[in-house]
Amino acid sequence: MNFDSMIANLMMVPDKIWCEMQPEGDACDVIVQMENGAVFTALFATVPYINRQMQLTLMMTESNPDTPPIRYAVLDTPHVIVEDLQRSTIEDAINNLVLEDVFESLFTRVTEEENAVDERTSNDGKRATQEVATVVIEDVLMVDGAD
């Protein structure tokens, strides 16, 4: 591998962005493919999404006599909270996160990394979610807007 290709692999430059709106319209699954081929994912959500999650938790805790009824939300996957889910807003947020050098810490990487250690993998040494991401990108994902 020559020096130029090593530098290109280190640079985080978004190449393609796929968005799939959730049925409720207040959150969007986003997959980002970088120029170096790395694929990342995160959920972009609005404040109404957070409120809906809190309402669902309240309803769950109200139905369980062993828990006090309370509104809260637990965000177990990477979430980026935005004002709206317009494609331009999502793209601008991604570009800002890349420029601020925090993108990789906020998104989940779903492709394997060279020289990665202590990563969760499937039996063939690839990231367990890489195969899922490939299928989603190629066969399932409803693409919102142009690449």
Protein backbone atom coordinates (compact mmCIF):
# COMPACT_ATOMS: atom_id res chain seq x y z
CA MET A 1 0.00 0.00 0.00
CA ASN A 2 1.50 3.34 -1.00
CA PHE A 3 1.51 6.50 1.09
CA ASP A 4 -1.33 8.19 -0.85
CA SER A 5 -3.66 5.23 -0.38
CA MET A 6 -2.77 5.08 3.33
CA ILE A 7 -3.71 8.77 3.73
CA ALA A 8 -6.92 8.26 1.72
CA ASN A 9 -7.92 5.41 4.03
CA LEU A 10 -7.40 7.59 7.10
CA MET A 11 -9.48 10.50 5.79
CA MET A 12 -13.16 10.42 6.61
CA VAL A 13 -14.96 11.71 3.53
CA PRO A 14 -18.63 10.77 3.07
CA ASP A 15 -19.28 9.26 -0.35
CA LYS A 16 -22.88 8.02 -0.16
CA ILE A 17 -25.64 8.54 2.38
CA TRP A 18 -28.74 6.36 2.55
CA CYS A 19 -31.75 7.37 4.64
CA GLU A 20 -34.76 5.28 5.55
CA MET A 21 -37.56 7.08 7.37
CA GLN A 22 -39.24 5.22 10.20
CA PRO A 23 -43.03 4.84 9.82
CA GLU A 24 -43.80 7.41 12.53
CA GLY A 25 -41.85 10.06 10.60
CA ASP A 26 -39.89 11.32 13.60
CA ALA A 27 -36.69 9.27 13.12
CA CYS A 28 -34.56 8.11 10.23
CA ASP A 29 -32.03 5.27 9.94
CA VAL A 30 -28.91 6.58 8.22
CA ILE A 31 -26.10 4.61 6.62
CA VAL A 32 -22.98 6.47 5.52
CA GLN A 33 -20.38 5.01 3.19
CA MET A 34 -17.05 6.80 3.20
CA GLU A 35 -14.79 7.18 0.17
CA ASN A 36 -12.48 4.55 1.69
CA GLY A 37 -15.38 2.03 1.72
CA ALA A 38 -16.03 2.12 5.47
CA VAL A 39 -19.73 1.99 6.35
CA PHE A 40 -21.28 3.58 9.44
CA THR A 41 -24.80 3.83 10.80
CA ALA A 42 -26.77 5.92 13.29
CA LEU A 43 -30.33 6.94 13.97
CA PHE A 44 -31.25 10.55 13.29
CA ALA A 45 -34.16 11.59 15.47
CA THR A 46 -36.22 14.65 16.33
CA VAL A 47 -37.43 15.90 19.69
CA PRO A 48 -40.91 14.41 19.02
CA TYR A 49 -39.19 11.01 18.69
CA ILE A 50 -37.67 11.41 22.16
CA ASN A 51 -41.05 12.48 23.55
CA ARG A 52 -42.69 9.44 21.94
CA GLN A 53 -40.09 7.14 23.47
CA MET A 54 -40.73 8.71 26.87
CA GLN A 55 -44.49 8.26 26.45
CA LEU A 56 -44.01 4.59 25.54
CA THR A 57 -41.93 4.09 28.67
CA LEU A 58 -44.60 5.78 30.77
CA MET A 59 -47.25 3.48 29.34
CA MET A 60 -45.04 0.45 30.04
CA THR A 61 -44.32 1.49 33.63
CA GLU A 62 -47.99 2.27 34.25
CA SER A 63 -48.93 -1.26 33.20
CA ASN A 64 -46.40 -2.87 35.54
CA PRO A 65 -47.47 -2.76 39.21
CA ASP A 66 -43.85 -3.22 40.33
CA THR A 67 -42.58 -0.01 38.71
CA PRO A 68 -43.40 3.61 39.45
CA PRO A 69 -44.89 5.34 36.39
CA ILE A 70 -42.29 7.65 34.94
CA ARG A 71 -41.38 9.17 31.57
CA TYR A 72 -37.82 8.50 30.41
CA ALA A 73 -35.95 7.41 27.31
CA VAL A 74 -32.93 5.14 27.06
CA LEU A 75 -30.97 5.53 23.85
CA ASP A 76 -29.04 2.31 23.33
CA THR A 77 -27.85 2.93 19.75
CA PRO A 78 -26.12 6.04 18.41
CA HIS A 79 -28.65 8.84 18.01
CA VAL A 80 -28.15 12.23 16.43
CA ILE A 81 -30.88 14.64 17.47
CA VAL A 82 -31.78 17.13 14.75
CA GLU A 83 -34.42 19.82 14.26
CA ASP A 84 -35.92 18.09 11.21
CA LEU A 85 -35.25 15.09 8.99
CA GLN A 86 -34.72 16.87 5.69
CA ARG A 87 -31.92 15.29 3.70
CA SER A 88 -29.95 18.56 3.70
CA THR A 89 -30.11 18.69 7.52
CA ILE A 90 -28.83 15.12 7.81
CA GLU A 91 -26.03 15.70 5.29
CA ASP A 92 -24.98 18.96 6.98
CA ALA A 93 -24.92 17.27 10.39
CA ILE A 94 -22.78 14.41 9.04
CA ASN A 95 -20.36 16.84 7.40
CA ASN A 96 -20.08 18.87 10.62
CA LEU A 97 -19.42 15.73 12.69
CA VAL A 98 -16.70 14.68 10.25
CA LEU A 99 -15.11 18.15 10.30
CA GLU A 100 -15.28 18.24 14.11
CA ASP A 101 -13.49 14.85 14.10
CA VAL A 102 -16.18 13.19 16.25
CA PHE A 103 -18.02 11.23 13.54
CA GLU A 104 -16.36 7.87 14.29
CA SER A 105 -17.08 8.16 18.00
CA LEU A 106 -20.80 8.84 17.42
CA PHE A 107 -21.63 6.41 14.60
CA THR A 108 -21.47 2.62 14.66
CA ARG A 109 -18.99 1.21 12.17
CA VAL A 110 -20.42 -1.82 10.39
CA THR A 111 -17.48 -2.74 8.16
CA GLU A 112 -14.27 -4.37 9.22
CA GLU A 113 -11.18 -2.34 9.91
CA GLU A 114 -7.69 -3.39 8.95
CA ASN A 115 -5.59 -4.18 12.03
CA ALA A 116 -8.63 -4.06 14.32
CA VAL A 117 -8.28 -5.84 17.64
CA ASP A 118 -10.82 -6.88 20.25
CA GLU A 119 -13.76 -6.27 17.94
CA ARG A 120 -16.92 -8.36 18.01
CA THR A 121 -16.82 -10.52 14.92
CA SER A 122 -18.68 -13.28 13.19
CA ASN A 123 -16.99 -16.63 12.53
CA ASP A 124 -15.06 -15.45 9.49
CA GLY A 125 -13.36 -12.59 11.33
CA LYS A 126 -15.54 -9.84 9.87
CA ARG A 127 -17.67 -7.54 11.92
CA ALA A 128 -20.90 -9.31 12.81
CA THR A 129 -22.99 -6.50 11.33
CA GLN A 130 -21.04 -6.08 8.09
CA GLU A 131 -23.05 -8.74 6.29
CA VAL A 132 -26.28 -7.15 7.48
CA ALA A 133 -25.19 -3.71 6.26
CA THR A 134 -24.30 -5.11 2.86
CA VAL A 135 -27.70 -6.75 2.48
CA VAL A 136 -29.47 -3.60 3.66
CA ILE A 137 -27.57 -1.37 1.24
CA GLU A 138 -27.93 -3.70 -1.74
CA ASP A 139 -31.31 -5.36 -1.25
CA VAL A 140 -33.51 -3.68 1.34
CA LEU A 141 -32.88 0.00 1.86
CA MET A 142 -35.31 2.46 0.40
CA VAL A 143 -33.03 5.23 -0.82
CA ASP A 144 -34.27 8.74 -0.01
CA GLY A 145 -32.87 11.20 -2.51
CA ALA A 146 -29.82 10.96 -4.73
CA ASP A 147 -26.49 9.49 -3.67
